[in-house]
N, C-alpha and C. Protein backbone atom coordinates (compact mmCIF):
# COMPACT_ATOMS: atom_id res chain seq x y z
N ASP A 1 110.08 121.86 63.42
CA ASP A 1 111.31 121.67 62.76
C ASP A 1 111.16 120.31 61.91
N VAL A 2 111.71 120.20 60.65
CA VAL A 2 111.58 119.22 59.68
C VAL A 2 112.80 119.01 59.03
N ILE A 3 113.26 117.67 58.76
CA ILE A 3 114.40 117.53 57.91
C ILE A 3 113.80 117.14 56.49
N ILE A 4 114.42 117.77 55.46
CA ILE A 4 113.98 117.72 54.13
C ILE A 4 115.02 116.97 53.22
N TYR A 5 114.43 115.88 52.62
CA TYR A 5 115.11 115.22 51.76
C TYR A 5 114.55 115.47 50.31
N ALA A 6 115.31 116.00 49.41
CA ALA A 6 114.68 116.38 48.26
C ALA A 6 115.28 115.49 47.03
N ILE A 7 114.38 115.21 45.98
CA ILE A 7 114.96 114.55 44.97
C ILE A 7 114.61 115.30 43.79
N GLY A 8 115.80 115.62 43.00
CA GLY A 8 115.50 116.43 41.77
C GLY A 8 115.35 115.62 40.58
N ILE A 9 114.28 115.66 39.81
CA ILE A 9 114.16 115.01 38.52
C ILE A 9 113.92 115.92 37.51
N GLU A 10 114.81 116.08 36.61
CA GLU A 10 114.69 116.92 35.37
C GLU A 10 114.99 116.09 34.06
N GLU A 11 114.36 116.77 33.12
CA GLU A 11 114.77 116.27 31.75
C GLU A 11 116.09 116.94 31.15
N GLU A 12 116.69 116.46 30.42
CA GLU A 12 117.80 117.00 29.77
C GLU A 12 117.58 118.45 29.15
N ARG A 13 118.25 119.35 29.62
CA ARG A 13 118.00 120.86 29.14
C ARG A 13 119.57 121.36 28.99
N ASP A 14 119.49 122.61 28.83
CA ASP A 14 120.90 123.29 28.80
C ASP A 14 121.22 123.36 30.36
N GLY A 15 122.53 122.98 30.63
CA GLY A 15 122.87 122.88 31.98
C GLY A 15 122.51 123.98 33.10
N THR A 16 122.39 125.13 32.56
CA THR A 16 122.09 126.31 33.49
C THR A 16 120.89 126.14 34.34
N LEU A 17 119.89 125.76 33.71
CA LEU A 17 118.46 125.67 34.60
C LEU A 17 118.62 124.44 35.64
N ALA A 18 119.16 123.34 35.22
CA ALA A 18 119.19 122.16 36.01
C ALA A 18 120.33 122.47 37.02
N SER A 19 121.46 123.27 36.93
CA SER A 19 122.45 123.58 37.83
C SER A 19 121.69 124.47 38.97
N ASP A 20 120.88 125.53 38.55
CA ASP A 20 120.30 126.42 39.55
C ASP A 20 119.35 125.67 40.25
N GLY A 21 118.52 124.72 39.88
CA GLY A 21 117.60 124.13 40.51
C GLY A 21 118.41 123.09 41.56
N GLN A 22 119.36 122.48 41.09
CA GLN A 22 120.12 121.70 42.11
C GLN A 22 120.73 122.46 43.25
N VAL A 23 121.14 123.75 42.94
CA VAL A 23 121.71 124.48 44.07
C VAL A 23 120.58 124.84 45.11
N ILE A 24 119.55 125.13 44.69
CA ILE A 24 118.27 125.57 45.49
C ILE A 24 117.93 124.27 46.25
N LEU A 25 117.80 123.13 45.63
CA LEU A 25 117.45 121.81 46.32
C LEU A 25 118.56 121.49 47.40
N ASP A 26 119.66 121.81 47.06
CA ASP A 26 120.89 121.44 47.98
C ASP A 26 120.73 122.32 49.13
N ASP A 27 120.47 123.64 48.98
CA ASP A 27 120.30 124.62 50.00
C ASP A 27 119.24 124.28 50.98
N ILE A 28 117.98 124.14 50.34
CA ILE A 28 116.94 123.91 51.14
C ILE A 28 117.11 122.66 52.07
N ALA A 29 117.65 121.55 51.40
CA ALA A 29 117.78 120.36 52.25
C ALA A 29 118.94 120.50 53.04
N GLY A 30 119.98 121.18 52.92
CA GLY A 30 121.18 121.30 53.77
C GLY A 30 120.75 122.12 54.99
N VAL A 31 120.04 123.27 54.94
CA VAL A 31 119.72 124.01 55.95
C VAL A 31 118.89 123.29 56.99
N SER A 32 118.10 122.40 56.41
CA SER A 32 117.21 121.55 57.45
C SER A 32 118.16 120.35 57.96
N GLY A 33 119.16 119.99 57.56
CA GLY A 33 119.92 118.86 58.05
C GLY A 33 119.72 117.63 57.28
N GLY A 34 118.96 117.84 56.03
CA GLY A 34 118.63 116.84 55.09
C GLY A 34 119.62 116.79 53.85
N LYS A 35 119.33 116.15 52.95
CA LYS A 35 120.16 115.95 51.69
C LYS A 35 119.39 115.90 50.53
N ALA A 36 119.92 116.40 49.30
CA ALA A 36 119.33 116.54 47.98
C ALA A 36 119.91 115.36 47.16
N PHE A 37 119.07 114.70 46.40
CA PHE A 37 119.55 113.66 45.52
C PHE A 37 119.21 114.03 43.97
N PHE A 38 120.05 113.71 43.02
CA PHE A 38 119.86 114.08 41.84
C PHE A 38 120.09 112.79 40.87
N PRO A 39 119.15 111.93 40.71
CA PRO A 39 119.20 110.63 40.01
C PRO A 39 119.52 110.97 38.53
N GLN A 40 120.30 110.19 37.73
CA GLN A 40 120.62 110.31 36.50
C GLN A 40 119.49 109.59 35.68
N ASN A 41 118.92 108.54 36.46
CA ASN A 41 117.95 107.68 35.57
C ASN A 41 116.97 107.18 36.74
N SER A 42 115.88 106.51 36.29
CA SER A 42 114.93 105.84 37.21
C SER A 42 115.46 104.82 37.79
N ALA A 43 116.43 104.07 37.39
CA ALA A 43 117.03 102.88 38.07
C ALA A 43 117.66 103.15 39.35
N GLU A 44 118.02 104.58 39.50
CA GLU A 44 118.74 105.03 40.83
C GLU A 44 117.76 105.45 41.81
N MET A 45 116.58 105.31 41.46
CA MET A 45 115.51 105.93 42.63
C MET A 45 115.45 104.81 43.72
N ASP A 46 115.45 103.52 43.61
CA ASP A 46 115.46 102.52 44.67
C ASP A 46 116.65 102.73 45.58
N ASP A 47 117.84 103.00 44.99
CA ASP A 47 119.02 103.18 45.98
C ASP A 47 118.82 104.39 46.76
N ILE A 48 118.24 105.58 46.09
CA ILE A 48 118.00 106.81 46.89
C ILE A 48 117.14 106.51 48.05
N PHE A 49 115.94 105.99 47.72
CA PHE A 49 114.83 105.60 48.73
C PHE A 49 115.54 104.82 49.80
N GLU A 50 116.27 103.77 49.67
CA GLU A 50 116.95 103.00 50.51
C GLU A 50 117.96 103.72 51.43
N SER A 51 118.53 104.72 50.60
CA SER A 51 119.50 105.53 51.34
C SER A 51 118.85 106.39 52.40
N ILE A 52 117.80 107.11 52.00
CA ILE A 52 116.94 107.82 52.90
C ILE A 52 116.43 107.09 54.07
N ALA A 53 115.82 105.92 53.81
CA ALA A 53 115.27 105.00 54.77
C ALA A 53 116.37 104.66 55.78
N LEU A 54 117.63 104.37 55.39
CA LEU A 54 118.54 103.94 56.22
C LEU A 54 119.03 105.12 57.17
N GLU A 55 119.09 106.37 56.47
CA GLU A 55 119.38 107.50 57.38
C GLU A 55 118.34 107.76 58.44
N LEU A 56 117.17 107.72 58.19
CA LEU A 56 116.04 107.99 59.08
C LEU A 56 116.03 106.86 60.09
N ARG A 57 116.45 105.56 59.89
CA ARG A 57 116.53 104.59 60.92
C ARG A 57 117.75 104.73 61.84
N HIS A 58 118.76 105.49 61.43
CA HIS A 58 119.96 105.65 62.07
C HIS A 58 120.19 106.96 62.52
N GLN A 59 119.19 107.83 62.84
CA GLN A 59 119.27 109.23 63.20
C GLN A 59 119.17 109.44 64.69
N TYR A 60 119.70 110.35 65.30
CA TYR A 60 119.76 110.78 66.85
C TYR A 60 119.14 112.04 66.95
N ALA A 61 118.51 112.46 67.93
CA ALA A 61 118.05 113.77 68.35
C ALA A 61 118.75 114.22 69.48
N ILE A 62 119.45 115.36 69.34
CA ILE A 62 120.06 116.00 70.36
C ILE A 62 119.53 117.34 70.85
N GLY A 63 119.43 117.88 71.94
CA GLY A 63 119.06 119.12 72.24
C GLY A 63 120.38 120.15 72.50
N TYR A 64 120.01 121.39 72.38
CA TYR A 64 121.11 122.35 72.61
C TYR A 64 120.49 123.50 73.27
N ARG A 65 121.00 123.96 74.42
CA ARG A 65 120.66 125.22 75.01
C ARG A 65 121.79 126.16 75.37
N PRO A 66 121.95 127.21 74.67
CA PRO A 66 123.22 128.07 74.86
C PRO A 66 123.33 128.69 76.26
N SER A 67 124.41 128.68 76.82
CA SER A 67 124.61 129.31 78.25
C SER A 67 124.16 130.82 78.16
N ASN A 68 124.34 131.41 77.04
CA ASN A 68 124.24 132.91 76.99
C ASN A 68 123.04 133.21 76.00
N PHE A 69 122.01 132.46 76.12
CA PHE A 69 120.79 132.67 75.30
C PHE A 69 120.28 134.10 75.24
N ASN A 70 120.05 134.59 74.01
CA ASN A 70 119.58 136.02 73.87
C ASN A 70 118.39 135.89 72.98
N ALA A 71 117.16 136.02 73.19
CA ALA A 71 116.05 136.07 72.53
C ALA A 71 115.95 137.17 71.49
N ASN A 72 116.91 137.36 70.51
CA ASN A 72 116.93 138.59 69.92
C ASN A 72 116.29 138.31 68.26
N GLY A 73 115.91 137.29 68.12
CA GLY A 73 115.54 136.93 66.69
C GLY A 73 116.47 136.79 65.56
N LYS A 74 117.78 136.71 66.00
CA LYS A 74 118.88 136.64 64.97
C LYS A 74 119.17 135.16 64.76
N TRP A 75 120.00 135.02 63.58
CA TRP A 75 120.41 133.57 63.37
C TRP A 75 121.81 133.28 63.89
N HIS A 76 121.87 132.12 64.52
CA HIS A 76 123.01 131.73 65.17
C HIS A 76 123.46 130.34 64.61
N HIS A 77 124.73 130.44 64.18
CA HIS A 77 125.26 129.45 63.37
C HIS A 77 125.64 127.98 64.48
N LEU A 78 125.53 126.92 64.07
CA LEU A 78 125.80 125.76 64.90
C LEU A 78 126.68 124.97 63.95
N LYS A 79 127.61 124.30 64.68
CA LYS A 79 128.46 123.21 64.16
C LYS A 79 128.66 121.96 65.01
N VAL A 80 128.07 120.77 64.55
CA VAL A 80 128.02 119.48 65.39
C VAL A 80 129.05 118.75 65.01
N LYS A 81 129.89 118.34 65.92
CA LYS A 81 131.00 117.38 65.54
C LYS A 81 130.85 116.20 66.49
N VAL A 82 131.54 115.16 66.01
CA VAL A 82 131.44 113.89 66.75
C VAL A 82 132.94 113.40 66.70
N ASN A 83 133.41 112.78 67.87
CA ASN A 83 134.70 112.18 68.05
C ASN A 83 134.32 110.50 68.27
N PRO A 84 134.51 109.86 67.14
CA PRO A 84 134.14 108.41 67.40
C PRO A 84 135.23 107.73 68.33
N PRO A 85 134.68 106.87 69.21
CA PRO A 85 135.62 106.08 69.99
C PRO A 85 136.79 105.32 69.35
N ARG A 86 137.96 105.18 69.80
CA ARG A 86 139.11 104.55 69.23
C ARG A 86 138.71 103.21 68.71
N GLY A 87 139.04 103.03 67.36
CA GLY A 87 138.88 101.71 66.59
C GLY A 87 137.51 101.83 65.75
N LEU A 88 136.77 102.74 65.92
CA LEU A 88 135.51 102.92 64.97
C LEU A 88 136.01 103.64 63.79
N PRO A 89 135.18 103.55 62.77
CA PRO A 89 135.53 104.41 61.52
C PRO A 89 134.91 105.78 61.76
N HIS A 90 135.37 106.80 60.82
CA HIS A 90 134.97 107.98 60.90
C HIS A 90 133.50 108.21 60.76
N LEU A 91 132.77 108.93 61.72
CA LEU A 91 131.37 109.04 61.63
C LEU A 91 130.99 110.11 60.96
N PHE A 92 129.80 110.23 60.22
CA PHE A 92 129.38 111.40 59.46
C PHE A 92 128.04 111.96 60.33
N VAL A 93 128.00 113.41 60.26
CA VAL A 93 127.16 113.96 60.92
C VAL A 93 126.50 115.06 60.12
N ARG A 94 125.21 115.03 59.90
CA ARG A 94 124.36 115.92 59.12
C ARG A 94 123.53 116.70 60.00
N SER A 95 123.43 117.91 60.31
CA SER A 95 122.55 118.64 61.16
C SER A 95 122.38 120.02 60.40
N ARG A 96 121.41 120.65 61.27
CA ARG A 96 121.02 122.02 60.66
C ARG A 96 122.22 122.85 60.87
N ASP A 97 122.19 123.90 60.00
CA ASP A 97 123.31 125.08 60.03
C ASP A 97 123.14 125.97 61.16
N GLY A 98 121.87 126.01 61.85
CA GLY A 98 121.95 126.97 62.94
C GLY A 98 120.28 127.00 63.37
N TYR A 99 120.22 128.21 64.08
CA TYR A 99 118.80 128.44 64.59
C TYR A 99 118.67 130.00 64.70
N TYR A 100 117.14 130.25 64.71
CA TYR A 100 117.02 131.74 65.00
C TYR A 100 116.51 131.74 66.59
N ALA A 101 117.04 132.67 67.19
CA ALA A 101 116.98 132.85 68.63
C ALA A 101 115.54 133.40 68.80
N GLN A 102 114.45 132.88 68.81
CA GLN A 102 112.98 133.50 68.72
C GLN A 102 112.72 134.31 70.01
N PHE A 103 112.09 135.49 69.67
CA PHE A 103 111.49 136.45 70.82
C PHE A 103 110.65 135.49 71.65
N LEU A 104 110.70 135.70 72.88
CA LEU A 104 109.86 135.03 73.82
C LEU A 104 108.57 135.91 73.85
N THR A 105 107.49 135.08 73.86
CA THR A 105 106.15 135.82 73.90
C THR A 105 105.33 135.14 75.08
N ARG A 106 104.51 135.97 75.74
CA ARG A 106 103.81 135.49 76.94
C ARG A 106 102.28 135.83 76.57
């Protein structure tokens, strides 16, 4: 498993190609629990790298084992929520969208 952070850099073109590329990068990064960035100019790159580095320094790994696990190879959707303790601001969670219940092999 890997978290993907994508940075889309494109030259000015007709909006369609750029939009299609952004959707693809958003999808790939989102499924992995990462994020896609689309800087408008090179000056934004330092902020993007800092944002990614900050996220990597503040990530947590949690495990999940369903009580009714069925190794059927199907996709299972996950939703991760967090309830911050009283007095703390809203917390943002970015996670994978789900998992494939892989067949068990011996």
